[in-house]
Amino acid sequence: MNDAPLNFTDVPGIAVGHYTDATALTGCTVVLTPEGAVAGVDVRGCAPGTRETDSLRPGNLVQQAHAVVLSGGSAFGLDACGGDTIQLAPPFIMEKHQIDSLVQALGEALQETH
């Protein structure tokens, strides 16, 4: 039995990219599933900031998610998803090797906001 911890990237079909802005104490992580994956969400707390989570409710037309973006708080963090949405919209589904450049660009954009 292998006791080594599993990582997201140990799962076939999942790629992960991350950017940290140490000065602004923020960052973003993108979990990419180029082939799509079934997704669900549980939003909790007094003032959660989410984007597009309602589309994952049962009965809606969304069948798969191609990415999940985890970002720093505030409206700027929510807006970090804008570039991902454009890049992942058909027919622009990204390849695995492109995720790091997208995350880097998002990080640089966040850095320019302060």
PDB file of N, CA and C in Angstrom:
ATOM      1  N   MET A   1       0.846  -1.190   0.000  1.00  0.00           N
ATOM      2  CA  MET A   1       0.000   0.000   0.000  1.00  0.00           C
ATOM      3  C   MET A   1       0.884   1.243   0.000  1.00  0.00           C
ATOM      4  N   ASN A   2       0.564   2.184  -0.857  1.00  0.00           N
ATOM      5  CA  ASN A   2       1.315   3.424  -0.965  1.00  0.00           C
ATOM      6  C   ASN A   2       0.672   4.470  -0.057  1.00  0.00           C
ATOM      7  N   ASP A   3       1.418   4.978   0.920  1.00  0.00           N
ATOM      8  CA  ASP A   3       0.893   5.966   1.863  1.00  0.00           C
ATOM      9  C   ASP A   3       1.160   7.397   1.430  1.00  0.00           C
ATOM     10  N   ALA A   4       1.713   7.582   0.241  1.00  0.00           N
ATOM     11  CA  ALA A   4       1.995   8.935  -0.238  1.00  0.00           C
ATOM     12  C   ALA A   4       0.683   9.682  -0.473  1.00  0.00           C
ATOM     13  N   PRO A   5       0.622  10.959  -0.074  1.00  0.00           N
ATOM     14  CA  PRO A   5      -0.616  11.724  -0.286  1.00  0.00           C
ATOM     15  C   PRO A   5      -0.886  11.923  -1.776  1.00  0.00           C
ATOM     16  N   LEU A   6      -2.157  11.947  -2.124  1.00  0.00           N
ATOM     17  CA  LEU A   6      -2.557  12.185  -3.504  1.00  0.00           C
ATOM     18  C   LEU A   6      -2.682  13.681  -3.761  1.00  0.00           C
ATOM     19  N   ASN A   7      -2.381  14.085  -4.960  1.00  0.00           N
ATOM     20  CA  ASN A   7      -2.541  15.464  -5.399  1.00  0.00           C
ATOM     21  C   ASN A   7      -3.599  15.506  -6.490  1.00  0.00           C
ATOM     22  N   PHE A   8      -4.168  16.694  -6.731  1.00  0.00           N
ATOM     23  CA  PHE A   8      -5.137  16.845  -7.815  1.00  0.00           C
ATOM     24  C   PHE A   8      -4.572  16.313  -9.122  1.00  0.00           C
ATOM     25  N   THR A   9      -3.304  16.598  -9.371  1.00  0.00           N
ATOM     26  CA  THR A   9      -2.704  16.240 -10.650  1.00  0.00           C
ATOM     27  C   THR A   9      -2.424  14.746 -10.782  1.00  0.00           C
ATOM     28  N   ASP A  10      -2.632  13.974  -9.701  1.00  0.00           N
ATOM     29  CA  ASP A  10      -2.523  12.527  -9.797  1.00  0.00           C
ATOM     30  C   ASP A  10      -3.727  11.924 -10.511  1.00  0.00           C
ATOM     31  N   VAL A  11      -4.792  12.690 -10.641  1.00  0.00           N
ATOM     32  CA  VAL A  11      -6.007  12.225 -11.302  1.00  0.00           C
ATOM     33  C   VAL A  11      -5.874  12.510 -12.794  1.00  0.00           C
ATOM     34  N   PRO A  12      -5.968  11.490 -13.644  1.00  0.00           N
ATOM     35  CA  PRO A  12      -5.850  11.719 -15.089  1.00  0.00           C
ATOM     36  C   PRO A  12      -6.888  12.728 -15.572  1.00  0.00           C
ATOM     37  N   GLY A  13      -6.451  13.657 -16.423  1.00  0.00           N
ATOM     38  CA  GLY A  13      -7.364  14.639 -16.987  1.00  0.00           C
ATOM     39  C   GLY A  13      -7.495  15.919 -16.190  1.00  0.00           C
ATOM     40  N   ILE A  14      -6.700  16.079 -15.134  1.00  0.00           N
ATOM     41  CA  ILE A  14      -6.757  17.293 -14.323  1.00  0.00           C
ATOM     42  C   ILE A  14      -5.392  17.971 -14.341  1.00  0.00           C
ATOM     43  N   ALA A  15      -5.403  19.271 -14.597  1.00  0.00           N
ATOM     44  CA  ALA A  15      -4.188  20.088 -14.546  1.00  0.00           C
ATOM     45  C   ALA A  15      -4.435  21.225 -13.566  1.00  0.00           C
ATOM     46  N   VAL A  16      -3.392  21.664 -12.876  1.00  0.00           N
ATOM     47  CA  VAL A  16      -3.514  22.724 -11.881  1.00  0.00           C
ATOM     48  C   VAL A  16      -2.413  23.748 -12.110  1.00  0.00           C
ATOM     49  N   GLY A  17      -2.788  25.025 -12.045  1.00  0.00           N
ATOM     50  CA  GLY A  17      -1.821  26.107 -12.125  1.00  0.00           C
ATOM     51  C   GLY A  17      -2.073  27.077 -10.990  1.00  0.00           C
ATOM     52  N   HIS A  18      -1.036  27.759 -10.537  1.00  0.00           N
ATOM     53  CA  HIS A  18      -1.185  28.679  -9.408  1.00  0.00           C
ATOM     54  C   HIS A  18      -0.273  29.884  -9.584  1.00  0.00           C
ATOM     55  N   TYR A  19      -0.749  31.037  -9.102  1.00  0.00           N
ATOM     56  CA  TYR A  19       0.067  32.247  -9.069  1.00  0.00           C
ATOM     57  C   TYR A  19      -0.137  32.907  -7.713  1.00  0.00           C
ATOM     58  N   THR A  20       0.942  33.360  -7.089  1.00  0.00           N
ATOM     59  CA  THR A  20       0.869  34.075  -5.816  1.00  0.00           C
ATOM     60  C   THR A  20       1.512  35.438  -5.967  1.00  0.00           C
ATOM     61  N   ASP A  21       0.814  36.450  -5.485  1.00  0.00           N
ATOM     62  CA  ASP A  21       1.370  37.801  -5.411  1.00  0.00           C
ATOM     63  C   ASP A  21       1.686  38.045  -3.935  1.00  0.00           C
ATOM     64  N   ALA A  22       2.936  37.847  -3.562  1.00  0.00           N
ATOM     65  CA  ALA A  22       3.330  37.952  -2.158  1.00  0.00           C
ATOM     66  C   ALA A  22       3.195  39.370  -1.618  1.00  0.00           C
ATOM     67  N   THR A  23       3.342  40.372  -2.467  1.00  0.00           N
ATOM     68  CA  THR A  23       3.213  41.759  -2.027  1.00  0.00           C
ATOM     69  C   THR A  23       1.769  42.096  -1.662  1.00  0.00           C
ATOM     70  N   ALA A  24       0.857  41.700  -2.513  1.00  0.00           N
ATOM     71  CA  ALA A  24      -0.564  42.001  -2.286  1.00  0.00           C
ATOM     72  C   ALA A  24      -1.246  40.951  -1.405  1.00  0.00           C
ATOM     73  N   LEU A  25      -0.518  39.873  -1.082  1.00  0.00           N
ATOM     74  CA  LEU A  25      -1.065  38.782  -0.282  1.00  0.00           C
ATOM     75  C   LEU A  25      -2.332  38.214  -0.913  1.00  0.00           C
ATOM     76  N   THR A  26      -2.232  37.911  -2.201  1.00  0.00           N
ATOM     77  CA  THR A  26      -3.359  37.319  -2.921  1.00  0.00           C
ATOM     78  C   THR A  26      -2.811  36.364  -3.967  1.00  0.00           C
ATOM     79  N   GLY A  27      -3.693  35.707  -4.651  1.00  0.00           N
ATOM     80  CA  GLY A  27      -3.277  34.791  -5.701  1.00  0.00           C
ATOM     81  C   GLY A  27      -4.477  34.119  -6.310  1.00  0.00           C
ATOM     82  N   CYS A  28      -4.219  33.212  -7.244  1.00  0.00           N
ATOM     83  CA  CYS A  28      -5.308  32.450  -7.825  1.00  0.00           C
ATOM     84  C   CYS A  28      -4.792  31.071  -8.218  1.00  0.00           C
ATOM     85  N   THR A  29      -5.693  30.118  -8.161  1.00  0.00           N
ATOM     86  CA  THR A  29      -5.413  28.749  -8.553  1.00  0.00           C
ATOM     87  C   THR A  29      -6.464  28.338  -9.559  1.00  0.00           C
ATOM     88  N   VAL A  30      -6.048  27.701 -10.635  1.00  0.00           N
ATOM     89  CA  VAL A  30      -6.973  27.200 -11.645  1.00  0.00           C
ATOM     90  C   VAL A  30      -6.846  25.686 -11.691  1.00  0.00           C
ATOM     91  N   VAL A  31      -7.977  25.007 -11.543  1.00  0.00           N
ATOM     92  CA  VAL A  31      -8.055  23.562 -11.719  1.00  0.00           C
ATOM     93  C   VAL A  31      -8.743  23.355 -13.058  1.00  0.00           C
ATOM     94  N   LEU A  32      -8.038  22.772 -14.012  1.00  0.00           N
ATOM     95  CA  LEU A  32      -8.508  22.640 -15.382  1.00  0.00           C
ATOM     96  C   LEU A  32      -8.837  21.184 -15.692  1.00  0.00           C
ATOM     97  N   THR A  33     -10.013  20.969 -16.283  1.00  0.00           N
ATOM     98  CA  THR A  33     -10.410  19.646 -16.767  1.00  0.00           C
ATOM     99  C   THR A  33     -10.778  19.806 -18.245  1.00  0.00           C
ATOM    100  N   PRO A  34      -9.790  19.729 -19.147  1.00  0.00           N
ATOM    101  CA  PRO A  34     -10.042  20.011 -20.566  1.00  0.00           C
ATOM    102  C   PRO A  34     -11.155  19.177 -21.184  1.00  0.00           C
ATOM    103  N   GLU A  35     -11.324  17.959 -20.725  1.00  0.00           N
ATOM    104  CA  GLU A  35     -12.380  17.104 -21.261  1.00  0.00           C
ATOM    105  C   GLU A  35     -13.724  17.356 -20.586  1.00  0.00           C
ATOM    106  N   GLY A  36     -13.733  18.194 -19.566  1.00  0.00           N
ATOM    107  CA  GLY A  36     -14.956  18.461 -18.811  1.00  0.00           C
ATOM    108  C   GLY A  36     -15.123  17.455 -17.691  1.00  0.00           C
ATOM    109  N   ALA A  37     -15.822  17.859 -16.647  1.00  0.00           N
ATOM    110  CA  ALA A  37     -16.074  16.990 -15.505  1.00  0.00           C
ATOM    111  C   ALA A  37     -17.385  17.416 -14.851  1.00  0.00           C
ATOM    112  N   VAL A  38     -18.053  16.457 -14.249  1.00  0.00           N
ATOM    113  CA  VAL A  38     -19.264  16.776 -13.488  1.00  0.00           C
ATOM    114  C   VAL A  38     -18.836  17.585 -12.276  1.00  0.00           C
ATOM    115  N   ALA A  39     -19.555  18.641 -11.970  1.00  0.00           N
ATOM    116  CA  ALA A  39     -19.170  19.518 -10.863  1.00  0.00           C
ATOM    117  C   ALA A  39     -20.381  19.806  -9.986  1.00  0.00           C
ATOM    118  N   GLY A  40     -20.106  20.108  -8.757  1.00  0.00           N
ATOM    119  CA  GLY A  40     -21.130  20.531  -7.812  1.00  0.00           C
ATOM    120  C   GLY A  40     -20.514  21.555  -6.883  1.00  0.00           C
ATOM    121  N   VAL A  41     -21.355  22.263  -6.155  1.00  0.00           N
ATOM    122  CA  VAL A  41     -20.851  23.301  -5.275  1.00  0.00           C
ATOM    123  C   VAL A  41     -21.712  23.378  -4.028  1.00  0.00           C
ATOM    124  N   ASP A  42     -21.091  23.732  -2.927  1.00  0.00           N
ATOM    125  CA  ASP A  42     -21.782  23.980  -1.668  1.00  0.00           C
ATOM    126  C   ASP A  42     -21.262  25.317  -1.157  1.00  0.00           C
ATOM    127  N   VAL A  43     -22.077  26.351  -1.260  1.00  0.00           N
ATOM    128  CA  VAL A  43     -21.672  27.700  -0.866  1.00  0.00           C
ATOM    129  C   VAL A  43     -22.151  27.962   0.547  1.00  0.00           C
ATOM    130  N   ARG A  44     -21.248  28.355   1.414  1.00  0.00           N
ATOM    131  CA  ARG A  44     -21.588  28.623   2.820  1.00  0.00           C
ATOM    132  C   ARG A  44     -20.971  29.943   3.254  1.00  0.00           C
ATOM    133  N   GLY A  45     -21.444  30.437   4.376  1.00  0.00           N
ATOM    134  CA  GLY A  45     -20.872  31.639   4.962  1.00  0.00           C
ATOM    135  C   GLY A  45     -21.793  32.826   4.834  1.00  0.00           C
ATOM    136  N   CYS A  46     -21.417  33.893   5.512  1.00  0.00           N
ATOM    137  CA  CYS A  46     -22.247  35.098   5.572  1.00  0.00           C
ATOM    138  C   CYS A  46     -22.159  35.950   4.314  1.00  0.00           C
ATOM    139  N   ALA A  47     -21.010  35.972   3.671  1.00  0.00           N
ATOM    140  CA  ALA A  47     -20.843  36.844   2.506  1.00  0.00           C
ATOM    141  C   ALA A  47     -19.928  36.184   1.476  1.00  0.00           C
ATOM    142  N   PRO A  48     -20.325  35.027   0.949  1.00  0.00           N
ATOM    143  CA  PRO A  48     -19.453  34.369  -0.027  1.00  0.00           C
ATOM    144  C   PRO A  48     -19.441  35.119  -1.346  1.00  0.00           C
ATOM    145  N   GLY A  49     -18.312  35.104  -1.999  1.00  0.00           N
ATOM    146  CA  GLY A  49     -18.194  35.693  -3.329  1.00  0.00           C
ATOM    147  C   GLY A  49     -18.048  34.564  -4.332  1.00  0.00           C
ATOM    148  N   THR A  50     -19.046  34.378  -5.147  1.00  0.00           N
ATOM    149  CA  THR A  50     -19.009  33.294  -6.134  1.00  0.00           C
ATOM    150  C   THR A  50     -19.376  33.833  -7.502  1.00  0.00           C
ATOM    151  N   ARG A  51     -19.042  33.049  -8.499  1.00  0.00           N
ATOM    152  CA  ARG A  51     -19.387  33.408  -9.872  1.00  0.00           C
ATOM    153  C   ARG A  51     -19.765  32.133 -10.614  1.00  0.00           C
ATOM    154  N   GLU A  52     -20.908  32.140 -11.240  1.00  0.00           N
ATOM    155  CA  GLU A  52     -21.413  31.035 -12.066  1.00  0.00           C
ATOM    156  C   GLU A  52     -21.746  29.765 -11.282  1.00  0.00           C
ATOM    157  N   THR A  53     -21.823  29.830  -9.963  1.00  0.00           N
ATOM    158  CA  THR A  53     -22.138  28.614  -9.204  1.00  0.00           C
ATOM    159  C   THR A  53     -23.591  28.195  -9.366  1.00  0.00           C
ATOM    160  N   ASP A  54     -24.492  29.147  -9.617  1.00  0.00           N
ATOM    161  CA  ASP A  54     -25.899  28.777  -9.792  1.00  0.00           C
ATOM    162  C   ASP A  54     -26.123  27.913 -11.024  1.00  0.00           C
ATOM    163  N   SER A  55     -25.247  28.033 -11.998  1.00  0.00           N
ATOM    164  CA  SER A  55     -25.404  27.217 -13.207  1.00  0.00           C
ATOM    165  C   SER A  55     -25.198  25.732 -12.926  1.00  0.00           C
ATOM    166  N   LEU A  56     -24.584  25.401 -11.791  1.00  0.00           N
ATOM    167  CA  LEU A  56     -24.339  24.002 -11.444  1.00  0.00           C
ATOM    168  C   LEU A  56     -25.513  23.347 -10.724  1.00  0.00           C
ATOM    169  N   ARG A  57     -26.551  24.114 -10.430  1.00  0.00           N
ATOM    170  CA  ARG A  57     -27.709  23.536  -9.742  1.00  0.00           C
ATOM    171  C   ARG A  57     -28.383  22.486 -10.619  1.00  0.00           C
ATOM    172  N   PRO A  58     -28.894  21.425  -9.994  1.00  0.00           N
ATOM    173  CA  PRO A  58     -29.629  20.413 -10.766  1.00  0.00           C
ATOM    174  C   PRO A  58     -30.789  21.058 -11.525  1.00  0.00           C
ATOM    175  N   GLY A  59     -31.047  20.590 -12.708  1.00  0.00           N
ATOM    176  CA  GLY A  59     -32.117  21.133 -13.527  1.00  0.00           C
ATOM    177  C   GLY A  59     -31.664  22.190 -14.504  1.00  0.00           C
ATOM    178  N   ASN A  60     -30.449  22.709 -14.342  1.00  0.00           N
ATOM    179  CA  ASN A  60     -29.918  23.686 -15.290  1.00  0.00           C
ATOM    180  C   ASN A  60     -29.229  22.964 -16.444  1.00  0.00           C
ATOM    181  N   LEU A  61     -28.933  23.678 -17.489  1.00  0.00           N
ATOM    182  CA  LEU A  61     -28.403  23.064 -18.700  1.00  0.00           C
ATOM    183  C   LEU A  61     -26.934  22.685 -18.632  1.00  0.00           C
ATOM    184  N   VAL A  62     -26.200  23.227 -17.676  1.00  0.00           N
ATOM    185  CA  VAL A  62     -24.763  22.941 -17.598  1.00  0.00           C
ATOM    186  C   VAL A  62     -24.559  21.468 -17.232  1.00  0.00           C
ATOM    187  N   GLN A  63     -23.831  20.770 -18.089  1.00  0.00           N
ATOM    188  CA  GLN A  63     -23.560  19.347 -17.878  1.00  0.00           C
ATOM    189  C   GLN A  63     -22.167  19.109 -17.292  1.00  0.00           C
ATOM    190  N   GLN A  64     -21.220  19.994 -17.635  1.00  0.00           N
ATOM    191  CA  GLN A  64     -19.830  19.809 -17.219  1.00  0.00           C
ATOM    192  C   GLN A  64     -19.177  21.148 -16.932  1.00  0.00           C
ATOM    193  N   ALA A  65     -18.155  21.097 -16.110  1.00  0.00           N
ATOM    194  CA  ALA A  65     -17.290  22.254 -15.884  1.00  0.00           C
ATOM    195  C   ALA A  65     -15.932  21.928 -16.493  1.00  0.00           C
ATOM    196  N   HIS A  66     -15.309  22.927 -17.093  1.00  0.00           N
ATOM    197  CA  HIS A  66     -13.976  22.731 -17.667  1.00  0.00           C
ATOM    198  C   HIS A  66     -12.886  23.346 -16.802  1.00  0.00           C
ATOM    199  N   ALA A  67     -13.280  24.148 -15.805  1.00  0.00           N
ATOM    200  CA  ALA A  67     -12.295  24.747 -14.909  1.00  0.00           C
ATOM    201  C   ALA A  67     -12.986  25.254 -13.657  1.00  0.00           C
ATOM    202  N   VAL A  68     -12.211  25.300 -12.581  1.00  0.00           N
ATOM    203  CA  VAL A  68     -12.621  25.940 -11.337  1.00  0.00           C
ATOM    204  C   VAL A  68     -11.497  26.914 -10.986  1.00  0.00           C
ATOM    205  N   VAL A  69     -11.864  28.151 -10.680  1.00  0.00           N
ATOM    206  CA  VAL A  69     -10.879  29.165 -10.319  1.00  0.00           C
ATOM    207  C   VAL A  69     -11.080  29.531  -8.858  1.00  0.00           C
ATOM    208  N   LEU A  70     -10.029  29.440  -8.086  1.00  0.00           N
ATOM    209  CA  LEU A  70     -10.027  29.865  -6.686  1.00  0.00           C
ATOM    210  C   LEU A  70      -9.146  31.103  -6.625  1.00  0.00           C
ATOM    211  N   SER A  71      -9.711  32.212  -6.162  1.00  0.00           N
ATOM    212  CA  SER A  71      -8.960  33.465  -6.210  1.00  0.00           C
ATOM    213  C   SER A  71      -9.038  34.198  -4.883  1.00  0.00           C
ATOM    214  N   GLY A  72      -8.196  35.230  -4.779  1.00  0.00           N
ATOM    215  CA  GLY A  72      -8.244  36.091  -3.612  1.00  0.00           C
ATOM    216  C   GLY A  72      -9.585  36.795  -3.523  1.00  0.00           C
ATOM    217  N   GLY A  73      -9.888  37.290  -2.356  1.00  0.00           N
ATOM    218  CA  GLY A  73     -11.188  37.915  -2.131  1.00  0.00           C
ATOM    219  C   GLY A  73     -11.380  39.220  -2.863  1.00  0.00           C
ATOM    220  N   SER A  74     -12.533  39.772  -2.773  1.00  0.00           N
ATOM    221  CA  SER A  74     -12.957  41.055  -3.330  1.00  0.00           C
ATOM    222  C   SER A  74     -13.425  40.909  -4.764  1.00  0.00           C
ATOM    223  N   ALA A  75     -13.917  42.005  -5.299  1.00  0.00           N
ATOM    224  CA  ALA A  75     -14.392  42.025  -6.681  1.00  0.00           C
ATOM    225  C   ALA A  75     -13.260  41.734  -7.658  1.00  0.00           C
ATOM    226  N   PHE A  76     -12.023  42.103  -7.303  1.00  0.00           N
ATOM    227  CA  PHE A  76     -10.893  41.827  -8.189  1.00  0.00           C
ATOM    228  C   PHE A  76     -10.657  40.323  -8.315  1.00  0.00           C
ATOM    229  N   GLY A  77     -10.811  39.615  -7.205  1.00  0.00           N
ATOM    230  CA  GLY A  77     -10.668  38.163  -7.245  1.00  0.00           C
ATOM    231  C   GLY A  77     -11.732  37.522  -8.102  1.00  0.00           C
ATOM    232  N   LEU A  78     -12.968  37.991  -7.960  1.00  0.00           N
ATOM    233  CA  LEU A  78     -14.046  37.461  -8.795  1.00  0.00           C
ATOM    234  C   LEU A  78     -13.797  37.765 -10.266  1.00  0.00           C
ATOM    235  N   ASP A  79     -13.261  38.935 -10.560  1.00  0.00           N
ATOM    236  CA  ASP A  79     -13.023  39.321 -11.940  1.00  0.00           C
ATOM    237  C   ASP A  79     -11.870  38.536 -12.566  1.00  0.00           C
ATOM    238  N   ALA A  80     -11.040  37.916 -11.752  1.00  0.00           N
ATOM    239  CA  ALA A  80      -9.949  37.106 -12.289  1.00  0.00           C
ATOM    240  C   ALA A  80     -10.485  35.985 -13.173  1.00  0.00           C
ATOM    241  N   CYS A  81     -11.720  35.592 -12.952  1.00  0.00           N
ATOM    242  CA  CYS A  81     -12.328  34.521 -13.748  1.00  0.00           C
ATOM    243  C   CYS A  81     -12.676  34.959 -15.158  1.00  0.00           C
ATOM    244  N   GLY A  82     -12.726  36.258 -15.406  1.00  0.00           N
ATOM    245  CA  GLY A  82     -13.120  36.743 -16.722  1.00  0.00           C
ATOM    246  C   GLY A  82     -12.263  36.200 -17.842  1.00  0.00           C
ATOM    247  N   GLY A  83     -10.953  36.232 -17.666  1.00  0.00           N
ATOM    248  CA  GLY A  83     -10.055  35.701 -18.691  1.00  0.00           C
ATOM    249  C   GLY A  83     -10.216  34.211 -18.873  1.00  0.00           C
ATOM    250  N   ASP A  84     -10.438  33.496 -17.778  1.00  0.00           N
ATOM    251  CA  ASP A  84     -10.652  32.054 -17.875  1.00  0.00           C
ATOM    252  C   ASP A  84     -11.904  31.748 -18.678  1.00  0.00           C
ATOM    253  N   THR A  85     -12.957  32.510 -18.422  1.00  0.00           N
ATOM    254  CA  THR A  85     -14.218  32.276 -19.112  1.00  0.00           C
ATOM    255  C   THR A  85     -14.033  32.447 -20.618  1.00  0.00           C
ATOM    256  N   ILE A  86     -13.303  33.484 -21.019  1.00  0.00           N
ATOM    257  CA  ILE A  86     -13.058  33.712 -22.442  1.00  0.00           C
ATOM    258  C   ILE A  86     -12.213  32.588 -23.031  1.00  0.00           C
ATOM    259  N   GLN A  87     -11.147  32.196 -22.340  1.00  0.00           N
ATOM    260  CA  GLN A  87     -10.248  31.165 -22.856  1.00  0.00           C
ATOM    261  C   GLN A  87     -10.912  29.798 -22.944  1.00  0.00           C
ATOM    262  N   LEU A  88     -11.842  29.515 -22.033  1.00  0.00           N
ATOM    263  CA  LEU A  88     -12.441  28.186 -21.982  1.00  0.00           C
ATOM    264  C   LEU A  88     -13.744  28.074 -22.761  1.00  0.00           C
ATOM    265  N   ALA A  89     -14.261  29.193 -23.245  1.00  0.00           N
ATOM    266  CA  ALA A  89     -15.504  29.154 -24.008  1.00  0.00           C
ATOM    267  C   ALA A  89     -15.259  28.458 -25.344  1.00  0.00           C
ATOM    268  N   PRO A  90     -16.125  27.544 -25.717  1.00  0.00           N
ATOM    269  CA  PRO A  90     -15.928  26.880 -27.018  1.00  0.00           C
ATOM    270  C   PRO A  90     -15.863  27.916 -28.126  1.00  0.00           C
ATOM    271  N   PRO A  91     -15.022  27.812 -29.109  1.00  0.00           N
ATOM    272  CA  PRO A  91     -14.121  26.685 -29.368  1.00  0.00           C
ATOM    273  C   PRO A  91     -12.724  26.892 -28.796  1.00  0.00           C
ATOM    274  N   PHE A  92     -12.601  27.657 -27.721  1.00  0.00           N
ATOM    275  CA  PHE A  92     -11.296  28.011 -27.185  1.00  0.00           C
ATOM    276  C   PHE A  92     -10.852  27.136 -26.016  1.00  0.00           C
ATOM    277  N   ILE A  93     -11.318  25.907 -25.910  1.00  0.00           N
ATOM    278  CA  ILE A  93     -10.920  25.044 -24.803  1.00  0.00           C
ATOM    279  C   ILE A  93      -9.399  24.913 -24.815  1.00  0.00           C
ATOM    280  N   MET A  94      -8.801  25.211 -23.670  1.00  0.00           N
ATOM    281  CA  MET A  94      -7.344  25.245 -23.577  1.00  0.00           C
ATOM    282  C   MET A  94      -6.746  23.851 -23.456  1.00  0.00           C
ATOM    283  N   GLU A  95      -5.524  23.735 -23.911  1.00  0.00           N
ATOM    284  CA  GLU A  95      -4.744  22.523 -23.742  1.00  0.00           C
ATOM    285  C   GLU A  95      -4.016  22.593 -22.404  1.00  0.00           C
ATOM    286  N   LYS A  96      -3.613  21.448 -21.901  1.00  0.00           N
ATOM    287  CA  LYS A  96      -2.964  21.363 -20.593  1.00  0.00           C
ATOM    288  C   LYS A  96      -1.736  22.271 -20.503  1.00  0.00           C
ATOM    289  N   HIS A  97      -0.940  22.358 -21.555  1.00  0.00           N
ATOM    290  CA  HIS A  97       0.304  23.145 -21.511  1.00  0.00           C
ATOM    291  C   HIS A  97       0.045  24.655 -21.473  1.00  0.00           C
ATOM    292  N   GLN A  98      -1.191  25.094 -21.714  1.00  0.00           N
ATOM    293  CA  GLN A  98      -1.485  26.523 -21.737  1.00  0.00           C
ATOM    294  C   GLN A  98      -1.922  27.075 -20.373  1.00  0.00           C
ATOM    295  N   ILE A  99      -2.230  26.217 -19.402  1.00  0.00           N
ATOM    296  CA  ILE A  99      -2.800  26.695 -18.144  1.00  0.00           C
ATOM    297  C   ILE A  99      -1.830  27.585 -17.374  1.00  0.00           C
ATOM    298  N   ASP A 100      -0.542  27.250 -17.327  1.00  0.00           N
ATOM    299  CA  ASP A 100       0.399  28.056 -16.557  1.00  0.00           C
ATOM    300  C   ASP A 100       0.527  29.474 -17.101  1.00  0.00           C
ATOM    301  N   SER A 101       0.491  29.623 -18.422  1.00  0.00           N
ATOM    302  CA  SER A 101       0.593  30.974 -18.984  1.00  0.00           C
ATOM    303  C   SER A 101      -0.657  31.787 -18.665  1.00  0.00           C
ATOM    304  N   LEU A 102      -1.831  31.144 -18.622  1.00  0.00           N
ATOM    305  CA  LEU A 102      -3.055  31.853 -18.253  1.00  0.00           C
ATOM    306  C   LEU A 102      -2.998  32.302 -16.798  1.00  0.00           C
ATOM    307  N   VAL A 103      -2.586  31.411 -15.919  1.00  0.00           N
ATOM    308  CA  VAL A 103      -2.501  31.756 -14.501  1.00  0.00           C
ATOM    309  C   VAL A 103      -1.469  32.856 -14.293  1.00  0.00           C
ATOM    310  N   GLN A 104      -0.349  32.799 -14.991  1.00  0.00           N
ATOM    311  CA  GLN A 104       0.673  33.847 -14.887  1.00  0.00           C
ATOM    312  C   GLN A 104       0.097  35.191 -15.332  1.00  0.00           C
ATOM    313  N   ALA A 105      -0.641  35.202 -16.437  1.00  0.00           N
ATOM    314  CA  ALA A 105      -1.234  36.444 -16.936  1.00  0.00           C
ATOM    315  C   ALA A 105      -2.252  36.996 -15.936  1.00  0.00           C
ATOM    316  N   LEU A 106      -3.050  36.125 -15.338  1.00  0.00           N
ATOM    317  CA  LEU A 106      -4.007  36.580 -14.333  1.00  0.00           C
ATOM    318  C   LEU A 106      -3.272  37.178 -13.142  1.00  0.00           C
ATOM    319  N   GLY A 107      -2.184  36.554 -12.732  1.00  0.00           N
ATOM    320  CA  GLY A 107      -1.406  37.066 -11.613  1.00  0.00           C
ATOM    321  C   GLY A 107      -0.821  38.443 -11.920  1.00  0.00           C
ATOM    322  N   GLU A 108      -0.311  38.608 -13.113  1.00  0.00           N
ATOM    323  CA  GLU A 108       0.245  39.916 -13.506  1.00  0.00           C
ATOM    324  C   GLU A 108      -0.848  40.976 -13.554  1.00  0.00           C
ATOM    325  N   ALA A 109      -2.036  40.590 -14.006  1.00  0.00           N
ATOM    326  CA  ALA A 109      -3.150  41.534 -14.035  1.00  0.00           C
ATOM    327  C   ALA A 109      -3.543  41.942 -12.618  1.00  0.00           C
ATOM    328  N   LEU A 110      -3.556  40.989 -11.701  1.00  0.00           N
ATOM    329  CA  LEU A 110      -3.859  41.303 -10.308  1.00  0.00           C
ATOM    330  C   LEU A 110      -2.805  42.248  -9.738  1.00  0.00           C
ATOM    331  N   GLN A 111      -1.555  42.016 -10.081  1.00  0.00           N
ATOM    332  CA  GLN A 111      -0.464  42.824  -9.574  1.00  0.00           C
ATOM    333  C   GLN A 111      -0.576  44.272 -10.052  1.00  0.00           C
ATOM    334  N   GLU A 112      -1.076  44.499 -11.240  1.00  0.00           N
ATOM    335  CA  GLU A 112      -1.215  45.839 -11.782  1.00  0.00           C
ATOM    336  C   GLU A 112      -2.372  46.623 -11.164  1.00  0.00           C
ATOM    337  N   THR A 113      -3.242  45.961 -10.414  1.00  0.00           N
ATOM    338  CA  THR A 113      -4.401  46.647  -9.848  1.00  0.00           C
ATOM    339  C   THR A 113      -4.062  47.430  -8.582  1.00  0.00           C
ATOM    340  N   HIS A 114      -2.863  47.302  -8.070  1.00  0.00           N
ATOM    341  CA  HIS A 114      -2.510  48.045  -6.846  1.00  0.00           C
ATOM    342  C   HIS A 114      -1.229  48.788  -6.987  1.00  0.00           C
TER     343      HIS A 114
END
